[in-house]
Amino acid sequence: MLEAAPQLRLIAKHGVGYENIDLAAAKARGVPVALAGGAIADSVADMAFALLLALARHIPQGDRAVRQGNWPRMVGMELRGKTLGVVGLGQIGRQLCLRAAAFGMALAAYDLYPDERFAQRHGVQLLTLDELLRSADIVSLHAPVTAATRQMINNETLALMKAHALLINTARGELVDETALYTALKAGRIGGAASDVFVQEPPGANPLLTLDNFIAAPHSAGQTHDGLRKMGESVAENILRVLRGEEPLYQV
């Protein structure tokens, strides 16, 4: 596609992920790649916390039961005092920490290049990935897809998690080995999982969808009226900047 566009001056992503852009080819052609920055950080953090609550209190399961004429007393997890482990302390991860702190949760994070000032100010304990997985009651993924992060949640890393631990993914499906997650959930080796993203979208006949301790959403974490407006404004701003001969914002 880049070869077919010799006059291309900018790739402005209406989003924050860039795994579907050939950065090396763009760089070789001198074409800047710009993201929508923190436009949907609040929207995605809201969704991650919504999934956290849905998992902790079995909200979808309770809804289904009542609609079927049943009346089970769903016993869930209280959040105060529990540890939230955030994998990726970027704009979304930081916003999730602020929401969790308001619920009285302890905070831990793993990031290759952590925001140490934020961590110190908000009491976020910086850990290695293995340490985080061993200590967290709830793990939320907010990392980009790279060679190092692809399937970072796999048989070995899932085995480190607590038996009651919950896993949330609002980042990218490729961060998780879905077969390993299915096996862990089916065997009860972790308490539950929720994902807004899948390796294949729509996920089709994904076996995860057969499990009662798994919650699925249709890649909609960033889909709010506010977030979409801010993403559009960010893309327009970057286009205008390049046309004026300026550097775009949030360049990769």
C-alpha atoms as a PDB file:
ATOM      1  CA  MET A   1       0.000   0.000   0.000  1.00  0.00           C
ATOM      2  CA  LEU A   2       2.880   2.367   0.740  1.00  0.00           C
ATOM      3  CA  GLU A   3       4.451   1.601  -2.621  1.00  0.00           C
ATOM      4  CA  ALA A   4       1.148   2.490  -4.279  1.00  0.00           C
ATOM      5  CA  ALA A   5       1.075   5.918  -2.594  1.00  0.00           C
ATOM      6  CA  PRO A   6       4.275   7.773  -3.620  1.00  0.00           C
ATOM      7  CA  GLN A   7       2.882  11.175  -2.568  1.00  0.00           C
ATOM      8  CA  LEU A   8       1.806  10.027   0.896  1.00  0.00           C
ATOM      9  CA  ARG A   9       2.859  12.524   3.574  1.00  0.00           C
ATOM     10  CA  LEU A  10       1.317  11.098   6.748  1.00  0.00           C
ATOM     11  CA  ILE A  11      -0.272   7.984   8.211  1.00  0.00           C
ATOM     12  CA  ALA A  12      -2.714   9.310  10.830  1.00  0.00           C
ATOM     13  CA  LYS A  13      -4.204   6.431  12.813  1.00  0.00           C
ATOM     14  CA  HIS A  14      -7.792   6.833  14.023  1.00  0.00           C
ATOM     15  CA  GLY A  15      -6.836   4.857  17.105  1.00  0.00           C
ATOM     16  CA  VAL A  16      -3.875   4.101  19.359  1.00  0.00           C
ATOM     17  CA  GLY A  17      -2.672   0.680  18.156  1.00  0.00           C
ATOM     18  CA  TYR A  18      -0.050   0.476  15.442  1.00  0.00           C
ATOM     19  CA  GLU A  19       0.609  -3.260  15.016  1.00  0.00           C
ATOM     20  CA  ASN A  20      -1.157  -3.156  11.626  1.00  0.00           C
ATOM     21  CA  ILE A  21       1.174  -0.470  10.245  1.00  0.00           C
ATOM     22  CA  ASP A  22       4.543  -1.340   8.700  1.00  0.00           C
ATOM     23  CA  LEU A  23       6.620   1.149  10.694  1.00  0.00           C
ATOM     24  CA  ALA A  24       9.905   0.155   9.049  1.00  0.00           C
ATOM     25  CA  ALA A  25       8.499   0.673   5.549  1.00  0.00           C
ATOM     26  CA  ALA A  26       6.958   4.010   6.544  1.00  0.00           C
ATOM     27  CA  LYS A  27      10.242   5.158   8.061  1.00  0.00           C
ATOM     28  CA  ALA A  28      12.176   4.100   4.958  1.00  0.00           C
ATOM     29  CA  ARG A  29       9.890   6.299   2.866  1.00  0.00           C
ATOM     30  CA  GLY A  30      10.036   9.205   5.290  1.00  0.00           C
ATOM     31  CA  VAL A  31       6.317   8.981   6.081  1.00  0.00           C
ATOM     32  CA  PRO A  32       5.516   9.839   9.724  1.00  0.00           C
ATOM     33  CA  VAL A  33       3.052   7.656  11.626  1.00  0.00           C
ATOM     34  CA  ALA A  34       0.912   9.463  14.205  1.00  0.00           C
ATOM     35  CA  LEU A  35      -1.595   8.020  16.661  1.00  0.00           C
ATOM     36  CA  ALA A  36      -4.639   9.540  18.306  1.00  0.00           C
ATOM     37  CA  GLY A  37      -2.699   9.914  21.555  1.00  0.00           C
ATOM     38  CA  GLY A  38      -4.742   9.735  24.730  1.00  0.00           C
ATOM     39  CA  ALA A  39      -8.053  10.357  22.973  1.00  0.00           C
ATOM     40  CA  ILE A  40      -9.668   7.155  24.247  1.00  0.00           C
ATOM     41  CA  ALA A  41      -7.689   6.620  27.452  1.00  0.00           C
ATOM     42  CA  ASP A  42     -10.677   7.424  29.654  1.00  0.00           C
ATOM     43  CA  SER A  43     -13.071   5.381  27.519  1.00  0.00           C
ATOM     44  CA  VAL A  44     -10.890   2.265  27.599  1.00  0.00           C
ATOM     45  CA  ALA A  45     -10.123   2.649  31.309  1.00  0.00           C
ATOM     46  CA  ASP A  46     -13.863   2.915  31.993  1.00  0.00           C
ATOM     47  CA  MET A  47     -14.473  -0.289  30.033  1.00  0.00           C
ATOM     48  CA  ALA A  48     -11.654  -2.144  31.766  1.00  0.00           C
ATOM     49  CA  PHE A  49     -13.084  -1.195  35.146  1.00  0.00           C
ATOM     50  CA  ALA A  50     -16.595  -2.129  34.015  1.00  0.00           C
ATOM     51  CA  LEU A  51     -15.310  -5.587  33.066  1.00  0.00           C
ATOM     52  CA  LEU A  52     -13.468  -5.764  36.378  1.00  0.00           C
ATOM     53  CA  LEU A  53     -16.717  -5.152  38.266  1.00  0.00           C
ATOM     54  CA  ALA A  54     -18.646  -7.527  36.012  1.00  0.00           C
ATOM     55  CA  LEU A  55     -16.144 -10.299  36.741  1.00  0.00           C
ATOM     56  CA  ALA A  56     -15.850  -9.589  40.452  1.00  0.00           C
ATOM     57  CA  ARG A  57     -19.624  -9.569  40.987  1.00  0.00           C
ATOM     58  CA  HIS A  58     -20.751 -12.059  38.292  1.00  0.00           C
ATOM     59  CA  ILE A  59     -23.053  -9.457  36.743  1.00  0.00           C
ATOM     60  CA  PRO A  60     -23.591 -11.102  33.305  1.00  0.00           C
ATOM     61  CA  GLN A  61     -24.164 -14.494  34.932  1.00  0.00           C
ATOM     62  CA  GLY A  62     -26.705 -13.015  37.336  1.00  0.00           C
ATOM     63  CA  ASP A  63     -28.494 -11.243  34.499  1.00  0.00           C
ATOM     64  CA  ARG A  64     -28.754 -14.462  32.490  1.00  0.00           C
ATOM     65  CA  ALA A  65     -30.009 -16.415  35.497  1.00  0.00           C
ATOM     66  CA  VAL A  66     -32.781 -13.949  36.319  1.00  0.00           C
ATOM     67  CA  ARG A  67     -33.911 -13.816  32.673  1.00  0.00           C
ATOM     68  CA  GLN A  68     -34.167 -17.631  32.766  1.00  0.00           C
ATOM     69  CA  GLY A  69     -36.418 -17.503  35.830  1.00  0.00           C
ATOM     70  CA  ASN A  70     -33.716 -18.401  38.351  1.00  0.00           C
ATOM     71  CA  TRP A  71     -32.725 -16.491  41.484  1.00  0.00           C
ATOM     72  CA  PRO A  72     -29.167 -17.491  42.521  1.00  0.00           C
ATOM     73  CA  ARG A  73     -27.391 -15.518  45.223  1.00  0.00           C
ATOM     74  CA  MET A  74     -24.178 -14.662  43.390  1.00  0.00           C
ATOM     75  CA  VAL A  75     -21.189 -14.541  45.773  1.00  0.00           C
ATOM     76  CA  GLY A  76     -18.470 -12.266  44.445  1.00  0.00           C
ATOM     77  CA  MET A  77     -15.272 -10.446  45.324  1.00  0.00           C
ATOM     78  CA  GLU A  78     -15.113  -7.192  47.273  1.00  0.00           C
ATOM     79  CA  LEU A  79     -12.516  -4.860  45.757  1.00  0.00           C
ATOM     80  CA  ARG A  80     -11.264  -2.940  48.787  1.00  0.00           C
ATOM     81  CA  GLY A  81      -7.856  -4.266  49.791  1.00  0.00           C
ATOM     82  CA  LYS A  82      -7.454  -6.403  46.676  1.00  0.00           C
ATOM     83  CA  THR A  83      -4.435  -5.859  44.404  1.00  0.00           C
ATOM     84  CA  LEU A  84      -4.871  -4.683  40.842  1.00  0.00           C
ATOM     85  CA  GLY A  85      -1.937  -5.547  38.599  1.00  0.00           C
ATOM     86  CA  VAL A  86      -1.696  -3.322  35.531  1.00  0.00           C
ATOM     87  CA  VAL A  87       0.434  -4.596  32.648  1.00  0.00           C
ATOM     88  CA  GLY A  88       1.392  -1.439  30.757  1.00  0.00           C
ATOM     89  CA  LEU A  89       1.432   1.783  32.771  1.00  0.00           C
ATOM     90  CA  GLY A  90       0.701   4.067  29.831  1.00  0.00           C
ATOM     91  CA  GLN A  91      -2.147   6.554  29.486  1.00  0.00           C
ATOM     92  CA  ILE A  92      -4.864   3.909  29.819  1.00  0.00           C
ATOM     93  CA  GLY A  93      -3.109   1.977  32.564  1.00  0.00           C
ATOM     94  CA  ARG A  94      -2.636   5.144  34.613  1.00  0.00           C
ATOM     95  CA  GLN A  95      -6.292   6.078  34.270  1.00  0.00           C
ATOM     96  CA  LEU A  96      -7.319   2.586  35.396  1.00  0.00           C
ATOM     97  CA  CYS A  97      -5.107   2.949  38.469  1.00  0.00           C
ATOM     98  CA  LEU A  98      -6.907   6.154  39.440  1.00  0.00           C
ATOM     99  CA  ARG A  99     -10.279   4.426  39.204  1.00  0.00           C
ATOM    100  CA  ALA A 100      -9.103   1.428  41.215  1.00  0.00           C
ATOM    101  CA  ALA A 101      -7.588   3.641  43.921  1.00  0.00           C
ATOM    102  CA  ALA A 102     -11.011   5.202  44.489  1.00  0.00           C
ATOM    103  CA  PHE A 103     -12.304   1.703  45.297  1.00  0.00           C
ATOM    104  CA  GLY A 104      -9.588   1.176  47.894  1.00  0.00           C
ATOM    105  CA  MET A 105      -7.521  -1.252  45.828  1.00  0.00           C
ATOM    106  CA  ALA A 106      -3.767  -1.728  46.160  1.00  0.00           C
ATOM    107  CA  LEU A 107      -1.932  -0.959  42.923  1.00  0.00           C
ATOM    108  CA  ALA A 108       0.917  -2.751  41.148  1.00  0.00           C
ATOM    109  CA  ALA A 109       2.233  -2.340  37.622  1.00  0.00           C
ATOM    110  CA  TYR A 110       4.671  -3.806  35.138  1.00  0.00           C
ATOM    111  CA  ASP A 111       6.116  -1.662  32.349  1.00  0.00           C
ATOM    112  CA  LEU A 112       9.456  -1.741  30.564  1.00  0.00           C
ATOM    113  CA  TYR A 113       9.631   2.066  30.796  1.00  0.00           C
ATOM    114  CA  PRO A 114       7.419   2.905  33.794  1.00  0.00           C
ATOM    115  CA  ASP A 115       6.210   6.355  34.724  1.00  0.00           C
ATOM    116  CA  GLU A 116       8.042   6.387  38.045  1.00  0.00           C
ATOM    117  CA  ARG A 117       6.721   9.813  39.046  1.00  0.00           C
ATOM    118  CA  PHE A 118       3.117   8.642  38.619  1.00  0.00           C
ATOM    119  CA  ALA A 119       3.864   5.393  40.449  1.00  0.00           C
ATOM    120  CA  GLN A 120       5.406   7.188  43.406  1.00  0.00           C
ATOM    121  CA  ARG A 121       2.649   9.793  43.590  1.00  0.00           C
ATOM    122  CA  HIS A 122      -0.189   7.244  43.512  1.00  0.00           C
ATOM    123  CA  GLY A 123       1.363   4.379  45.443  1.00  0.00           C
ATOM    124  CA  VAL A 124       1.799   2.030  42.488  1.00  0.00           C
ATOM    125  CA  GLN A 125       4.289  -0.727  43.251  1.00  0.00           C
ATOM    126  CA  LEU A 126       6.500  -1.402  40.217  1.00  0.00           C
ATOM    127  CA  LEU A 127       7.133  -5.122  39.752  1.00  0.00           C
ATOM    128  CA  THR A 128       8.435  -7.581  37.205  1.00  0.00           C
ATOM    129  CA  LEU A 129       5.748  -9.377  35.212  1.00  0.00           C
ATOM    130  CA  ASP A 130       6.209 -12.602  37.184  1.00  0.00           C
ATOM    131  CA  GLU A 131       5.981 -10.742  40.503  1.00  0.00           C
ATOM    132  CA  LEU A 132       2.843  -8.949  39.388  1.00  0.00           C
ATOM    133  CA  LEU A 133       1.112 -12.124  38.244  1.00  0.00           C
ATOM    134  CA  ARG A 134       1.912 -13.873  41.519  1.00  0.00           C
ATOM    135  CA  SER A 135       0.657 -11.024  43.709  1.00  0.00           C
ATOM    136  CA  ALA A 136      -2.342  -9.551  41.868  1.00  0.00           C
ATOM    137  CA  ASP A 137      -5.946 -10.510  42.501  1.00  0.00           C
ATOM    138  CA  ILE A 138      -6.953  -8.853  39.231  1.00  0.00           C
ATOM    139  CA  VAL A 139      -4.675  -8.414  36.201  1.00  0.00           C
ATOM    140  CA  SER A 140      -5.524  -5.910  33.464  1.00  0.00           C
ATOM    141  CA  LEU A 141      -3.603  -5.814  30.156  1.00  0.00           C
ATOM    142  CA  HIS A 142      -2.738  -2.469  28.546  1.00  0.00           C
ATOM    143  CA  ALA A 143       0.409  -3.242  26.535  1.00  0.00           C
ATOM    144  CA  PRO A 144       1.004  -2.881  22.788  1.00  0.00           C
ATOM    145  CA  VAL A 145       1.625  -5.947  20.644  1.00  0.00           C
ATOM    146  CA  THR A 146       5.341  -6.446  20.043  1.00  0.00           C
ATOM    147  CA  ALA A 147       7.592  -9.446  19.605  1.00  0.00           C
ATOM    148  CA  ALA A 148       8.164  -9.367  23.368  1.00  0.00           C
ATOM    149  CA  THR A 149       4.508  -9.062  24.405  1.00  0.00           C
ATOM    150  CA  ARG A 150       2.830 -11.408  21.907  1.00  0.00           C
ATOM    151  CA  GLN A 151       1.221 -14.232  23.939  1.00  0.00           C
ATOM    152  CA  MET A 152       2.773 -12.884  27.130  1.00  0.00           C
ATOM    153  CA  ILE A 153      -0.163 -14.537  28.892  1.00  0.00           C
ATOM    154  CA  ASN A 154       0.439 -18.223  28.228  1.00  0.00           C
ATOM    155  CA  ASN A 155       0.573 -21.562  30.047  1.00  0.00           C
ATOM    156  CA  GLU A 156       3.633 -20.563  32.044  1.00  0.00           C
ATOM    157  CA  THR A 157       2.457 -17.107  33.076  1.00  0.00           C
ATOM    158  CA  LEU A 158      -1.108 -18.215  33.807  1.00  0.00           C
ATOM    159  CA  ALA A 159       0.345 -20.822  36.176  1.00  0.00           C
ATOM    160  CA  LEU A 160       1.808 -17.990  38.258  1.00  0.00           C
ATOM    161  CA  MET A 161      -1.576 -16.409  38.955  1.00  0.00           C
ATOM    162  CA  LYS A 162      -3.682 -16.998  42.054  1.00  0.00           C
ATOM    163  CA  ALA A 163      -6.480 -19.543  41.797  1.00  0.00           C
ATOM    164  CA  HIS A 164      -9.114 -16.832  42.333  1.00  0.00           C
ATOM    165  CA  ALA A 165      -7.381 -14.232  40.119  1.00  0.00           C
ATOM    166  CA  LEU A 166      -9.224 -12.446  37.323  1.00  0.00           C
ATOM    167  CA  LEU A 167      -7.766 -11.436  33.948  1.00  0.00           C
ATOM    168  CA  ILE A 168      -8.995  -8.499  31.848  1.00  0.00           C
ATOM    169  CA  ASN A 169      -7.855  -7.679  28.313  1.00  0.00           C
ATOM    170  CA  THR A 170      -8.912  -4.441  26.621  1.00  0.00           C
ATOM    171  CA  ALA A 171      -5.647  -4.109  24.655  1.00  0.00           C
ATOM    172  CA  ARG A 172      -5.105  -6.683  21.899  1.00  0.00           C
ATOM    173  CA  GLY A 173      -6.059 -10.343  21.558  1.00  0.00           C
ATOM    174  CA  GLU A 174      -2.528 -11.269  20.505  1.00  0.00           C
ATOM    175  CA  LEU A 175      -1.280 -10.618  24.049  1.00  0.00           C
ATOM    176  CA  VAL A 176      -2.994 -13.817  25.188  1.00  0.00           C
ATOM    177  CA  ASP A 177      -2.602 -17.454  24.185  1.00  0.00           C
ATOM    178  CA  GLU A 178      -6.344 -18.110  23.932  1.00  0.00           C
ATOM    179  CA  THR A 179      -5.946 -21.895  24.062  1.00  0.00           C
ATOM    180  CA  ALA A 180      -3.931 -21.646  27.272  1.00  0.00           C
ATOM    181  CA  LEU A 181      -6.498 -19.261  28.757  1.00  0.00           C
ATOM    182  CA  TYR A 182      -9.348 -21.614  27.874  1.00  0.00           C
ATOM    183  CA  THR A 183      -7.536 -24.517  29.541  1.00  0.00           C
ATOM    184  CA  ALA A 184      -6.836 -22.487  32.702  1.00  0.00           C
ATOM    185  CA  LEU A 185     -10.424 -21.250  32.981  1.00  0.00           C
ATOM    186  CA  LYS A 186     -11.921 -24.664  32.247  1.00  0.00           C
ATOM    187  CA  ALA A 187      -9.755 -26.271  34.925  1.00  0.00           C
ATOM    188  CA  GLY A 188     -10.453 -23.510  37.453  1.00  0.00           C
ATOM    189  CA  ARG A 189      -6.776 -22.553  37.687  1.00  0.00           C
ATOM    190  CA  ILE A 190      -7.832 -18.881  37.619  1.00  0.00           C
ATOM    191  CA  GLY A 191     -11.157 -17.459  38.688  1.00  0.00           C
ATOM    192  CA  GLY A 192     -12.323 -15.756  35.519  1.00  0.00           C
ATOM    193  CA  ALA A 193     -11.452 -13.608  32.529  1.00  0.00           C
ATOM    194  CA  ALA A 194     -12.996 -10.884  30.407  1.00  0.00           C
ATOM    195  CA  SER A 195     -11.852  -9.762  26.989  1.00  0.00           C
ATOM    196  CA  ASP A 196     -12.883  -6.969  24.658  1.00  0.00           C
ATOM    197  CA  VAL A 197     -10.389  -8.221  22.056  1.00  0.00           C
ATOM    198  CA  PHE A 198      -9.597 -11.488  20.303  1.00  0.00           C
ATOM    199  CA  VAL A 199      -6.940 -12.849  17.957  1.00  0.00           C
ATOM    200  CA  GLN A 200      -9.673 -13.294  15.337  1.00  0.00           C
ATOM    201  CA  GLU A 201     -12.424 -10.696  15.283  1.00  0.00           C
ATOM    202  CA  PRO A 202     -15.282 -11.532  15.328  1.00  0.00           C
ATOM    203  CA  PRO A 203     -14.129 -14.585  17.315  1.00  0.00           C
ATOM    204  CA  GLY A 204     -16.454 -17.093  15.638  1.00  0.00           C
ATOM    205  CA  ALA A 205     -16.709 -20.455  17.412  1.00  0.00           C
ATOM    206  CA  ASN A 206     -14.031 -19.600  19.956  1.00  0.00           C
ATOM    207  CA  PRO A 207     -14.148 -22.147  22.816  1.00  0.00           C
ATOM    208  CA  LEU A 208     -13.737 -19.329  25.345  1.00  0.00           C
ATOM    209  CA  LEU A 209     -17.316 -18.330  24.538  1.00  0.00           C
ATOM    210  CA  THR A 210     -18.585 -21.627  25.948  1.00  0.00           C
ATOM    211  CA  LEU A 211     -17.289 -20.872  29.449  1.00  0.00           C
ATOM    212  CA  ASP A 212     -19.462 -19.338  32.167  1.00  0.00           C
ATOM    213  CA  ASN A 213     -16.431 -17.723  33.830  1.00  0.00           C
ATOM    214  CA  PHE A 214     -15.514 -15.780  30.686  1.00  0.00           C
ATOM    215  CA  ILE A 215     -17.031 -12.449  29.628  1.00  0.00           C
ATOM    216  CA  ALA A 216     -16.778 -11.262  26.029  1.00  0.00           C
ATOM    217  CA  ALA A 217     -17.222  -7.808  24.505  1.00  0.00           C
ATOM    218  CA  PRO A 218     -17.039  -6.774  20.799  1.00  0.00           C
ATOM    219  CA  HIS A 219     -13.858  -4.624  20.785  1.00  0.00           C
ATOM    220  CA  SER A 220     -15.857  -1.635  21.967  1.00  0.00           C
ATOM    221  CA  ALA A 221     -13.739  -0.222  24.804  1.00  0.00           C
ATOM    222  CA  GLY A 222     -12.874   2.902  22.836  1.00  0.00           C
ATOM    223  CA  GLN A 223     -16.330   3.266  21.328  1.00  0.00           C
ATOM    224  CA  THR A 224     -17.837   6.194  23.212  1.00  0.00           C
ATOM    225  CA  HIS A 225     -19.252   9.386  21.732  1.00  0.00           C
ATOM    226  CA  ASP A 226     -16.589  11.369  23.604  1.00  0.00           C
ATOM    227  CA  GLY A 227     -13.688   9.114  22.649  1.00  0.00           C
ATOM    228  CA  LEU A 228     -14.627   8.952  18.974  1.00  0.00           C
ATOM    229  CA  ARG A 229     -14.942  12.724  18.813  1.00  0.00           C
ATOM    230  CA  LYS A 230     -11.532  13.201  20.423  1.00  0.00           C
ATOM    231  CA  MET A 231      -9.937  10.645  18.083  1.00  0.00           C
ATOM    232  CA  GLY A 232     -11.348  12.422  15.054  1.00  0.00           C
ATOM    233  CA  GLU A 233     -10.083  15.764  16.322  1.00  0.00           C
ATOM    234  CA  SER A 234      -6.641  14.282  16.951  1.00  0.00           C
ATOM    235  CA  VAL A 235      -6.434  12.867  13.409  1.00  0.00           C
ATOM    236  CA  ALA A 236      -7.557  16.190  11.914  1.00  0.00           C
ATOM    237  CA  GLU A 237      -5.025  18.105  14.022  1.00  0.00           C
ATOM    238  CA  ASN A 238      -2.176  15.857  12.869  1.00  0.00           C
ATOM    239  CA  ILE A 239      -3.172  16.254   9.217  1.00  0.00           C
ATOM    240  CA  LEU A 240      -3.278  20.040   9.579  1.00  0.00           C
ATOM    241  CA  ARG A 241       0.105  20.056  11.313  1.00  0.00           C
ATOM    242  CA  VAL A 242       1.764  18.125   8.492  1.00  0.00           C
ATOM    243  CA  LEU A 243       0.161  20.343   5.858  1.00  0.00           C
ATOM    244  CA  ARG A 244       1.611  23.356   7.721  1.00  0.00           C
ATOM    245  CA  GLY A 245       5.053  21.756   7.703  1.00  0.00           C
ATOM    246  CA  GLU A 246       4.958  20.902  11.421  1.00  0.00           C
ATOM    247  CA  GLU A 247       5.595  17.641  13.240  1.00  0.00           C
ATOM    248  CA  PRO A 248       2.475  15.605  14.099  1.00  0.00           C
ATOM    249  CA  LEU A 249       1.547  14.877  17.694  1.00  0.00           C
ATOM    250  CA  TYR A 250       1.981  11.389  19.198  1.00  0.00           C
ATOM    251  CA  GLN A 251       4.355  10.259  16.456  1.00  0.00           C
ATOM    252  CA  VAL A 252       5.459   6.630  16.726  1.00  0.00           C
END
